[in-house]
Amino acid sequence: MRAYFLKILNQSRHLGRMIRLAKFDGFVFSKLHAIGSKSEGPAYYLQQWDDKEIAIAKKTHLWQEDPALQKYLGKKATIEGKLNDGVLDYEKISDYRLAGHTEPINDPETQNKLEIRVKPDTDILWVDKMPGLKIPQSVALTLLAKWPFRSIWEGICPTAQTFDFSIERKGETLWQWSKGKIFAQVQTPVSVPGAEYVKIATESWYFYPDEIKSEGIYTARAKFIATGQEAIATFEIKFAY
């Protein structure tokens, strides 16, 4: 009878443990704290996608590194464990896998947090209108993206095309980078590291001076395919006689 009750108790404990375990996705990082002149070693945290930080309990002495957590430091991970008073007690740590996205991520909340910019390499472009032989001129456009958290944003493009650029003048498209190009019909993952603006792509618009008919303000447009977001910037064209 005693053995039977012990078996039931162990099963209940195991079931309770299973119920309390949960999965937490995020970016593993550490902070180094010091007490006086002595370091107490790294403290580990999980940065979740909503910018919430969860402290992770390490399974070593206070002053030591935790090998299991150290392995995933600076990486995205999925941690199975339970929360005790706001501290995550881990049972299993594995690589984070982007789950189930087959279309571009167009969630408005995500788009609002992911920031994109397009930057022409000049504010004023002088176009050669002097007599004589003309050579092609150009303006370079750079697409920048920023994920303002200490994690990594991930998305998927439906094809191999991950960006696009165009030049417009008074609503008319003068040039589009993707026009005439063929892209492989394969889903393409993209990622944006957190905290700072990073370059997604740089392409140049080449033209002959005689193709430019008017001075004034021109619009550079960039598209980040994974979210469908667009950014614009203006630059001025002036003629040099």
C-alpha atoms as a PDB file:
ATOM      1  CA  MET A   1       0.000   0.000   0.000  1.00  0.00           C
ATOM      2  CA  ARG A   2       2.824   2.387   0.887  1.00  0.00           C
ATOM      3  CA  ALA A   3       4.519   1.690  -2.447  1.00  0.00           C
ATOM      4  CA  TYR A   4       1.234   2.429  -4.234  1.00  0.00           C
ATOM      5  CA  PHE A   5       0.847   5.817  -2.538  1.00  0.00           C
ATOM      6  CA  LEU A   6       4.490   6.690  -3.268  1.00  0.00           C
ATOM      7  CA  LYS A   7       3.897   5.887  -6.922  1.00  0.00           C
ATOM      8  CA  ILE A   8       0.806   8.116  -7.004  1.00  0.00           C
ATOM      9  CA  LEU A   9       2.729  10.909  -5.246  1.00  0.00           C
ATOM     10  CA  ASN A  10       5.596  10.728  -7.741  1.00  0.00           C
ATOM     11  CA  GLN A  11       3.162  10.756 -10.652  1.00  0.00           C
ATOM     12  CA  SER A  12       1.433  13.815  -9.194  1.00  0.00           C
ATOM     13  CA  ARG A  13       4.749  15.603  -8.758  1.00  0.00           C
ATOM     14  CA  HIS A  14       5.720  14.779 -12.337  1.00  0.00           C
ATOM     15  CA  LEU A  15       2.355  15.981 -13.631  1.00  0.00           C
ATOM     16  CA  GLY A  16       2.642  19.177 -11.607  1.00  0.00           C
ATOM     17  CA  ARG A  17       6.104  19.765 -12.999  1.00  0.00           C
ATOM     18  CA  MET A  18       4.835  19.295 -16.562  1.00  0.00           C
ATOM     19  CA  ILE A  19       1.962  21.692 -15.969  1.00  0.00           C
ATOM     20  CA  ARG A  20       4.203  24.398 -14.553  1.00  0.00           C
ATOM     21  CA  LEU A  21       6.736  24.228 -17.397  1.00  0.00           C
ATOM     22  CA  ALA A  22       6.307  26.806 -20.140  1.00  0.00           C
ATOM     23  CA  LYS A  23       8.242  27.962 -23.194  1.00  0.00           C
ATOM     24  CA  PHE A  24       9.834  31.392 -23.351  1.00  0.00           C
ATOM     25  CA  ASP A  25      11.310  32.798 -26.578  1.00  0.00           C
ATOM     26  CA  GLY A  26      13.796  35.633 -26.681  1.00  0.00           C
ATOM     27  CA  PHE A  27      17.361  36.897 -26.805  1.00  0.00           C
ATOM     28  CA  VAL A  28      19.791  35.722 -24.119  1.00  0.00           C
ATOM     29  CA  PHE A  29      22.167  38.330 -22.707  1.00  0.00           C
ATOM     30  CA  SER A  30      24.079  38.918 -19.512  1.00  0.00           C
ATOM     31  CA  LYS A  31      25.025  41.720 -17.143  1.00  0.00           C
ATOM     32  CA  LEU A  32      28.079  41.779 -14.936  1.00  0.00           C
ATOM     33  CA  HIS A  33      27.439  42.961 -11.406  1.00  0.00           C
ATOM     34  CA  ALA A  34      30.070  43.829  -8.843  1.00  0.00           C
ATOM     35  CA  ILE A  35      29.950  43.914  -5.081  1.00  0.00           C
ATOM     36  CA  GLY A  36      32.669  46.257  -3.863  1.00  0.00           C
ATOM     37  CA  SER A  37      35.826  45.134  -5.625  1.00  0.00           C
ATOM     38  CA  LYS A  38      34.603  41.578  -6.204  1.00  0.00           C
ATOM     39  CA  SER A  39      32.525  40.439  -9.154  1.00  0.00           C
ATOM     40  CA  GLU A  40      29.620  38.155  -8.479  1.00  0.00           C
ATOM     41  CA  GLY A  41      29.792  36.839 -12.042  1.00  0.00           C
ATOM     42  CA  PRO A  42      27.351  37.255 -14.917  1.00  0.00           C
ATOM     43  CA  ALA A  43      23.618  37.523 -14.353  1.00  0.00           C
ATOM     44  CA  TYR A  44      21.599  36.133 -17.259  1.00  0.00           C
ATOM     45  CA  TYR A  45      18.430  37.560 -18.793  1.00  0.00           C
ATOM     46  CA  LEU A  46      15.974  36.755 -21.556  1.00  0.00           C
ATOM     47  CA  GLN A  47      14.937  39.740 -23.689  1.00  0.00           C
ATOM     48  CA  GLN A  48      11.482  38.924 -25.033  1.00  0.00           C
ATOM     49  CA  TRP A  49       9.991  40.356 -28.222  1.00  0.00           C
ATOM     50  CA  ASP A  50       7.827  42.803 -26.259  1.00  0.00           C
ATOM     51  CA  ASP A  51      11.019  44.260 -24.697  1.00  0.00           C
ATOM     52  CA  LYS A  52      10.319  42.547 -21.369  1.00  0.00           C
ATOM     53  CA  GLU A  53      13.385  41.239 -19.541  1.00  0.00           C
ATOM     54  CA  ILE A  54      13.207  38.058 -17.477  1.00  0.00           C
ATOM     55  CA  ALA A  55      16.026  37.130 -15.108  1.00  0.00           C
ATOM     56  CA  ILE A  56      17.266  33.558 -15.566  1.00  0.00           C
ATOM     57  CA  ALA A  57      18.440  31.548 -12.574  1.00  0.00           C
ATOM     58  CA  LYS A  58      21.805  29.961 -13.260  1.00  0.00           C
ATOM     59  CA  LYS A  59      22.678  26.508 -11.993  1.00  0.00           C
ATOM     60  CA  THR A  60      26.195  27.327 -10.843  1.00  0.00           C
ATOM     61  CA  HIS A  61      27.784  29.234  -7.999  1.00  0.00           C
ATOM     62  CA  LEU A  62      27.102  32.964  -7.946  1.00  0.00           C
ATOM     63  CA  TRP A  63      30.556  33.906  -9.220  1.00  0.00           C
ATOM     64  CA  GLN A  64      30.642  31.294 -11.995  1.00  0.00           C
ATOM     65  CA  GLU A  65      29.430  31.251 -15.577  1.00  0.00           C
ATOM     66  CA  ASP A  66      26.604  28.866 -16.404  1.00  0.00           C
ATOM     67  CA  PRO A  67      27.818  26.715 -19.344  1.00  0.00           C
ATOM     68  CA  ALA A  68      24.294  25.991 -20.594  1.00  0.00           C
ATOM     69  CA  LEU A  69      23.378  29.685 -20.689  1.00  0.00           C
ATOM     70  CA  GLN A  70      26.800  30.799 -21.862  1.00  0.00           C
ATOM     71  CA  LYS A  71      26.341  28.664 -24.984  1.00  0.00           C
ATOM     72  CA  TYR A  72      23.353  30.787 -26.039  1.00  0.00           C
ATOM     73  CA  LEU A  73      24.704  34.161 -24.972  1.00  0.00           C
ATOM     74  CA  GLY A  74      23.953  36.760 -27.633  1.00  0.00           C
ATOM     75  CA  LYS A  75      21.604  34.399 -29.471  1.00  0.00           C
ATOM     76  CA  LYS A  76      17.893  33.798 -29.837  1.00  0.00           C
ATOM     77  CA  ALA A  77      16.714  30.831 -27.806  1.00  0.00           C
ATOM     78  CA  THR A  78      13.672  28.957 -26.580  1.00  0.00           C
ATOM     79  CA  ILE A  79      13.804  28.204 -22.872  1.00  0.00           C
ATOM     80  CA  GLU A  80      11.551  25.637 -21.245  1.00  0.00           C
ATOM     81  CA  GLY A  81      11.133  26.228 -17.556  1.00  0.00           C
ATOM     82  CA  LYS A  82       9.011  27.798 -14.880  1.00  0.00           C
ATOM     83  CA  LEU A  83       8.770  31.235 -13.338  1.00  0.00           C
ATOM     84  CA  ASN A  84       9.393  31.533  -9.631  1.00  0.00           C
ATOM     85  CA  ASP A  85       8.833  35.050  -8.287  1.00  0.00           C
ATOM     86  CA  GLY A  86       9.656  36.523 -11.690  1.00  0.00           C
ATOM     87  CA  VAL A  87      12.867  34.500 -12.140  1.00  0.00           C
ATOM     88  CA  LEU A  88      13.009  31.851 -14.869  1.00  0.00           C
ATOM     89  CA  ASP A  89      14.232  28.458 -13.653  1.00  0.00           C
ATOM     90  CA  TYR A  90      15.219  26.666 -16.849  1.00  0.00           C
ATOM     91  CA  GLU A  91      14.927  22.969 -17.620  1.00  0.00           C
ATOM     92  CA  LYS A  92      15.874  22.959 -21.293  1.00  0.00           C
ATOM     93  CA  ILE A  93      17.393  25.507 -23.688  1.00  0.00           C
ATOM     94  CA  SER A  94      17.310  25.180 -27.472  1.00  0.00           C
ATOM     95  CA  ASP A  95      17.861  27.292 -30.579  1.00  0.00           C
ATOM     96  CA  TYR A  96      14.949  29.541 -31.418  1.00  0.00           C
ATOM     97  CA  ARG A  97      13.115  28.563 -34.572  1.00  0.00           C
ATOM     98  CA  LEU A  98      10.847  30.903 -36.479  1.00  0.00           C
ATOM     99  CA  ALA A  99       7.584  29.000 -36.482  1.00  0.00           C
ATOM    100  CA  GLY A 100       5.033  28.762 -39.223  1.00  0.00           C
ATOM    101  CA  HIS A 101       5.504  31.971 -41.225  1.00  0.00           C
ATOM    102  CA  THR A 102       4.765  31.323 -44.901  1.00  0.00           C
ATOM    103  CA  GLU A 103       3.864  34.884 -45.866  1.00  0.00           C
ATOM    104  CA  PRO A 104       5.524  38.243 -45.194  1.00  0.00           C
ATOM    105  CA  ILE A 105       4.972  39.462 -41.656  1.00  0.00           C
ATOM    106  CA  ASN A 106       2.511  42.314 -42.043  1.00  0.00           C
ATOM    107  CA  ASP A 107       1.319  42.624 -38.466  1.00  0.00           C
ATOM    108  CA  PRO A 108       0.706  46.366 -37.873  1.00  0.00           C
ATOM    109  CA  GLU A 109       2.151  46.234 -34.358  1.00  0.00           C
ATOM    110  CA  THR A 110       5.379  44.686 -35.656  1.00  0.00           C
ATOM    111  CA  GLN A 111       5.570  47.199 -38.493  1.00  0.00           C
ATOM    112  CA  ASN A 112       5.202  50.080 -36.074  1.00  0.00           C
ATOM    113  CA  LYS A 113       8.202  48.848 -34.099  1.00  0.00           C
ATOM    114  CA  LEU A 114      10.447  48.009 -37.054  1.00  0.00           C
ATOM    115  CA  GLU A 115      11.781  51.294 -38.426  1.00  0.00           C
ATOM    116  CA  ILE A 116      13.040  51.758 -41.976  1.00  0.00           C
ATOM    117  CA  ARG A 117      14.698  54.653 -43.797  1.00  0.00           C
ATOM    118  CA  VAL A 118      15.996  55.340 -47.280  1.00  0.00           C
ATOM    119  CA  LYS A 119      19.049  57.529 -47.661  1.00  0.00           C
ATOM    120  CA  PRO A 120      20.274  59.054 -50.963  1.00  0.00           C
ATOM    121  CA  ASP A 121      24.014  59.645 -51.035  1.00  0.00           C
ATOM    122  CA  THR A 122      23.506  63.324 -51.812  1.00  0.00           C
ATOM    123  CA  ASP A 123      21.081  66.119 -50.997  1.00  0.00           C
ATOM    124  CA  ILE A 124      21.789  67.994 -54.235  1.00  0.00           C
ATOM    125  CA  LEU A 125      22.618  66.171 -57.458  1.00  0.00           C
ATOM    126  CA  TRP A 126      24.280  68.336 -60.084  1.00  0.00           C
ATOM    127  CA  VAL A 127      23.437  67.119 -63.589  1.00  0.00           C
ATOM    128  CA  ASP A 128      25.898  67.976 -66.345  1.00  0.00           C
ATOM    129  CA  LYS A 129      24.195  70.105 -69.002  1.00  0.00           C
ATOM    130  CA  MET A 130      27.351  71.526 -70.516  1.00  0.00           C
ATOM    131  CA  PRO A 131      27.991  70.958 -74.233  1.00  0.00           C
ATOM    132  CA  GLY A 132      30.014  67.950 -75.230  1.00  0.00           C
ATOM    133  CA  LEU A 133      30.151  64.219 -74.635  1.00  0.00           C
ATOM    134  CA  LYS A 134      28.111  63.092 -71.658  1.00  0.00           C
ATOM    135  CA  ILE A 135      28.874  60.185 -69.348  1.00  0.00           C
ATOM    136  CA  PRO A 136      26.325  58.418 -67.133  1.00  0.00           C
ATOM    137  CA  GLN A 137      25.709  59.851 -63.697  1.00  0.00           C
ATOM    138  CA  SER A 138      24.229  58.154 -60.674  1.00  0.00           C
ATOM    139  CA  VAL A 139      22.780  58.497 -57.204  1.00  0.00           C
ATOM    140  CA  ALA A 140      23.105  55.688 -54.664  1.00  0.00           C
ATOM    141  CA  LEU A 141      20.179  54.750 -52.425  1.00  0.00           C
ATOM    142  CA  THR A 142      20.572  52.850 -49.162  1.00  0.00           C
ATOM    143  CA  LEU A 143      17.780  51.064 -47.310  1.00  0.00           C
ATOM    144  CA  LEU A 144      18.264  51.043 -43.533  1.00  0.00           C
ATOM    145  CA  ALA A 145      16.255  49.185 -40.907  1.00  0.00           C
ATOM    146  CA  LYS A 146      16.194  49.343 -37.130  1.00  0.00           C
ATOM    147  CA  TRP A 147      14.716  46.953 -34.566  1.00  0.00           C
ATOM    148  CA  PRO A 148      14.745  49.022 -31.352  1.00  0.00           C
ATOM    149  CA  PHE A 149      15.204  46.132 -28.932  1.00  0.00           C
ATOM    150  CA  ARG A 150      18.066  43.921 -27.759  1.00  0.00           C
ATOM    151  CA  SER A 151      16.813  41.023 -29.821  1.00  0.00           C
ATOM    152  CA  ILE A 152      16.709  40.106 -33.497  1.00  0.00           C
ATOM    153  CA  TRP A 153      13.699  40.745 -35.722  1.00  0.00           C
ATOM    154  CA  GLU A 154      12.932  37.965 -38.189  1.00  0.00           C
ATOM    155  CA  GLY A 155      10.637  37.765 -41.187  1.00  0.00           C
ATOM    156  CA  ILE A 156      10.174  35.915 -44.457  1.00  0.00           C
ATOM    157  CA  CYS A 157       9.844  37.215 -48.017  1.00  0.00           C
ATOM    158  CA  PRO A 158       7.715  35.158 -50.441  1.00  0.00           C
ATOM    159  CA  THR A 159      10.467  35.255 -53.105  1.00  0.00           C
ATOM    160  CA  ALA A 160      14.192  35.963 -53.306  1.00  0.00           C
ATOM    161  CA  GLN A 161      13.429  39.682 -53.608  1.00  0.00           C
ATOM    162  CA  THR A 162      13.881  41.305 -50.206  1.00  0.00           C
ATOM    163  CA  PHE A 163      13.790  45.021 -51.144  1.00  0.00           C
ATOM    164  CA  ASP A 164      13.067  47.480 -53.920  1.00  0.00           C
ATOM    165  CA  PHE A 165      14.010  51.041 -54.859  1.00  0.00           C
ATOM    166  CA  SER A 166      12.462  53.617 -57.162  1.00  0.00           C
ATOM    167  CA  ILE A 167      12.918  57.245 -58.217  1.00  0.00           C
ATOM    168  CA  GLU A 168       9.850  59.434 -58.722  1.00  0.00           C
ATOM    169  CA  ARG A 169       9.175  62.919 -59.998  1.00  0.00           C
ATOM    170  CA  LYS A 170       5.726  64.493 -59.540  1.00  0.00           C
ATOM    171  CA  GLY A 171       4.072  61.094 -59.181  1.00  0.00           C
ATOM    172  CA  GLU A 172       5.808  59.546 -62.188  1.00  0.00           C
ATOM    173  CA  THR A 173       8.172  56.614 -61.657  1.00  0.00           C
ATOM    174  CA  LEU A 174      11.385  57.302 -63.571  1.00  0.00           C
ATOM    175  CA  TRP A 175      13.262  54.191 -62.432  1.00  0.00           C
ATOM    176  CA  GLN A 176      12.563  51.033 -60.470  1.00  0.00           C
ATOM    177  CA  TRP A 177      15.379  48.728 -59.414  1.00  0.00           C
ATOM    178  CA  SER A 178      13.388  45.484 -59.692  1.00  0.00           C
ATOM    179  CA  LYS A 179      11.921  46.213 -63.132  1.00  0.00           C
ATOM    180  CA  GLY A 180      13.047  43.586 -65.637  1.00  0.00           C
ATOM    181  CA  LYS A 181      14.621  41.380 -62.968  1.00  0.00           C
ATOM    182  CA  ILE A 182      13.563  37.797 -62.284  1.00  0.00           C
ATOM    183  CA  PHE A 183      13.631  36.516 -58.720  1.00  0.00           C
ATOM    184  CA  ALA A 184      13.678  32.903 -57.595  1.00  0.00           C
ATOM    185  CA  GLN A 185      10.291  31.787 -56.287  1.00  0.00           C
ATOM    186  CA  VAL A 186      11.618  30.614 -52.947  1.00  0.00           C
ATOM    187  CA  GLN A 187      10.806  31.895 -49.492  1.00  0.00           C
ATOM    188  CA  THR A 188      13.691  33.982 -48.211  1.00  0.00           C
ATOM    189  CA  PRO A 189      14.291  34.652 -44.497  1.00  0.00           C
ATOM    190  CA  VAL A 190      15.477  38.095 -43.441  1.00  0.00           C
ATOM    191  CA  SER A 191      16.645  39.362 -40.079  1.00  0.00           C
ATOM    192  CA  VAL A 192      17.402  42.726 -38.490  1.00  0.00           C
ATOM    193  CA  PRO A 193      19.696  42.893 -35.435  1.00  0.00           C
ATOM    194  CA  GLY A 194      18.502  45.067 -32.595  1.00  0.00           C
ATOM    195  CA  ALA A 195      19.423  48.496 -31.266  1.00  0.00           C
ATOM    196  CA  GLU A 196      20.979  50.315 -34.252  1.00  0.00           C
ATOM    197  CA  TYR A 197      20.154  51.054 -37.885  1.00  0.00           C
ATOM    198  CA  VAL A 198      21.677  48.443 -40.189  1.00  0.00           C
ATOM    199  CA  LYS A 199      22.076  48.487 -43.948  1.00  0.00           C
ATOM    200  CA  ILE A 200      19.689  46.214 -45.813  1.00  0.00           C
ATOM    201  CA  ALA A 201      20.793  47.119 -49.335  1.00  0.00           C
ATOM    202  CA  THR A 202      22.406  49.791 -51.496  1.00  0.00           C
ATOM    203  CA  GLU A 203      21.671  50.222 -55.206  1.00  0.00           C
ATOM    204  CA  SER A 204      22.334  53.027 -57.682  1.00  0.00           C
ATOM    205  CA  TRP A 205      20.164  54.767 -60.238  1.00  0.00           C
ATOM    206  CA  TYR A 206      22.216  55.385 -63.397  1.00  0.00           C
ATOM    207  CA  PHE A 207      21.086  57.854 -66.030  1.00  0.00           C
ATOM    208  CA  TYR A 208      22.380  59.975 -68.881  1.00  0.00           C
ATOM    209  CA  PRO A 209      22.196  63.737 -68.259  1.00  0.00           C
ATOM    210  CA  ASP A 210      20.045  64.294 -71.348  1.00  0.00           C
ATOM    211  CA  GLU A 211      17.342  62.064 -69.806  1.00  0.00           C
ATOM    212  CA  ILE A 212      16.748  64.562 -67.025  1.00  0.00           C
ATOM    213  CA  LYS A 213      14.378  67.224 -68.323  1.00  0.00           C
ATOM    214  CA  SER A 214      13.732  69.374 -65.279  1.00  0.00           C
ATOM    215  CA  GLU A 215      15.322  70.651 -62.117  1.00  0.00           C
ATOM    216  CA  GLY A 216      13.589  70.326 -58.781  1.00  0.00           C
ATOM    217  CA  ILE A 217      12.726  67.893 -56.020  1.00  0.00           C
ATOM    218  CA  TYR A 218      12.885  64.154 -56.736  1.00  0.00           C
ATOM    219  CA  THR A 219      11.668  61.374 -54.465  1.00  0.00           C
ATOM    220  CA  ALA A 220      13.611  58.241 -53.572  1.00  0.00           C
ATOM    221  CA  ARG A 221      11.416  55.362 -52.397  1.00  0.00           C
ATOM    222  CA  ALA A 222      12.506  52.102 -50.766  1.00  0.00           C
ATOM    223  CA  LYS A 223      10.403  49.060 -49.898  1.00  0.00           C
ATOM    224  CA  PHE A 224      11.174  46.413 -47.293  1.00  0.00           C
ATOM    225  CA  ILE A 225       9.431  43.366 -48.750  1.00  0.00           C
ATOM    226  CA  ALA A 226       9.186  41.316 -45.556  1.00  0.00           C
ATOM    227  CA  THR A 227       6.734  43.781 -43.995  1.00  0.00           C
ATOM    228  CA  GLY A 228       5.587  45.764 -47.012  1.00  0.00           C
ATOM    229  CA  GLN A 229       6.824  48.958 -45.366  1.00  0.00           C
ATOM    230  CA  GLU A 230       7.988  51.849 -47.522  1.00  0.00           C
ATOM    231  CA  ALA A 231      10.173  54.844 -46.787  1.00  0.00           C
ATOM    232  CA  ILE A 232      10.774  57.963 -48.843  1.00  0.00           C
ATOM    233  CA  ALA A 233      13.360  60.713 -48.934  1.00  0.00           C
ATOM    234  CA  THR A 234      13.823  63.663 -51.241  1.00  0.00           C
ATOM    235  CA  PHE A 235      16.816  65.151 -52.990  1.00  0.00           C
ATOM    236  CA  GLU A 236      17.201  68.060 -55.380  1.00  0.00           C
ATOM    237  CA  ILE A 237      18.442  67.988 -58.941  1.00  0.00           C
ATOM    238  CA  LYS A 238      20.131  71.094 -60.310  1.00  0.00           C
ATOM    239  CA  PHE A 239      21.628  71.665 -63.742  1.00  0.00           C
ATOM    240  CA  ALA A 240      25.290  72.574 -64.180  1.00  0.00           C
ATOM    241  CA  TYR A 241      25.854  74.662 -67.337  1.00  0.00           C
END
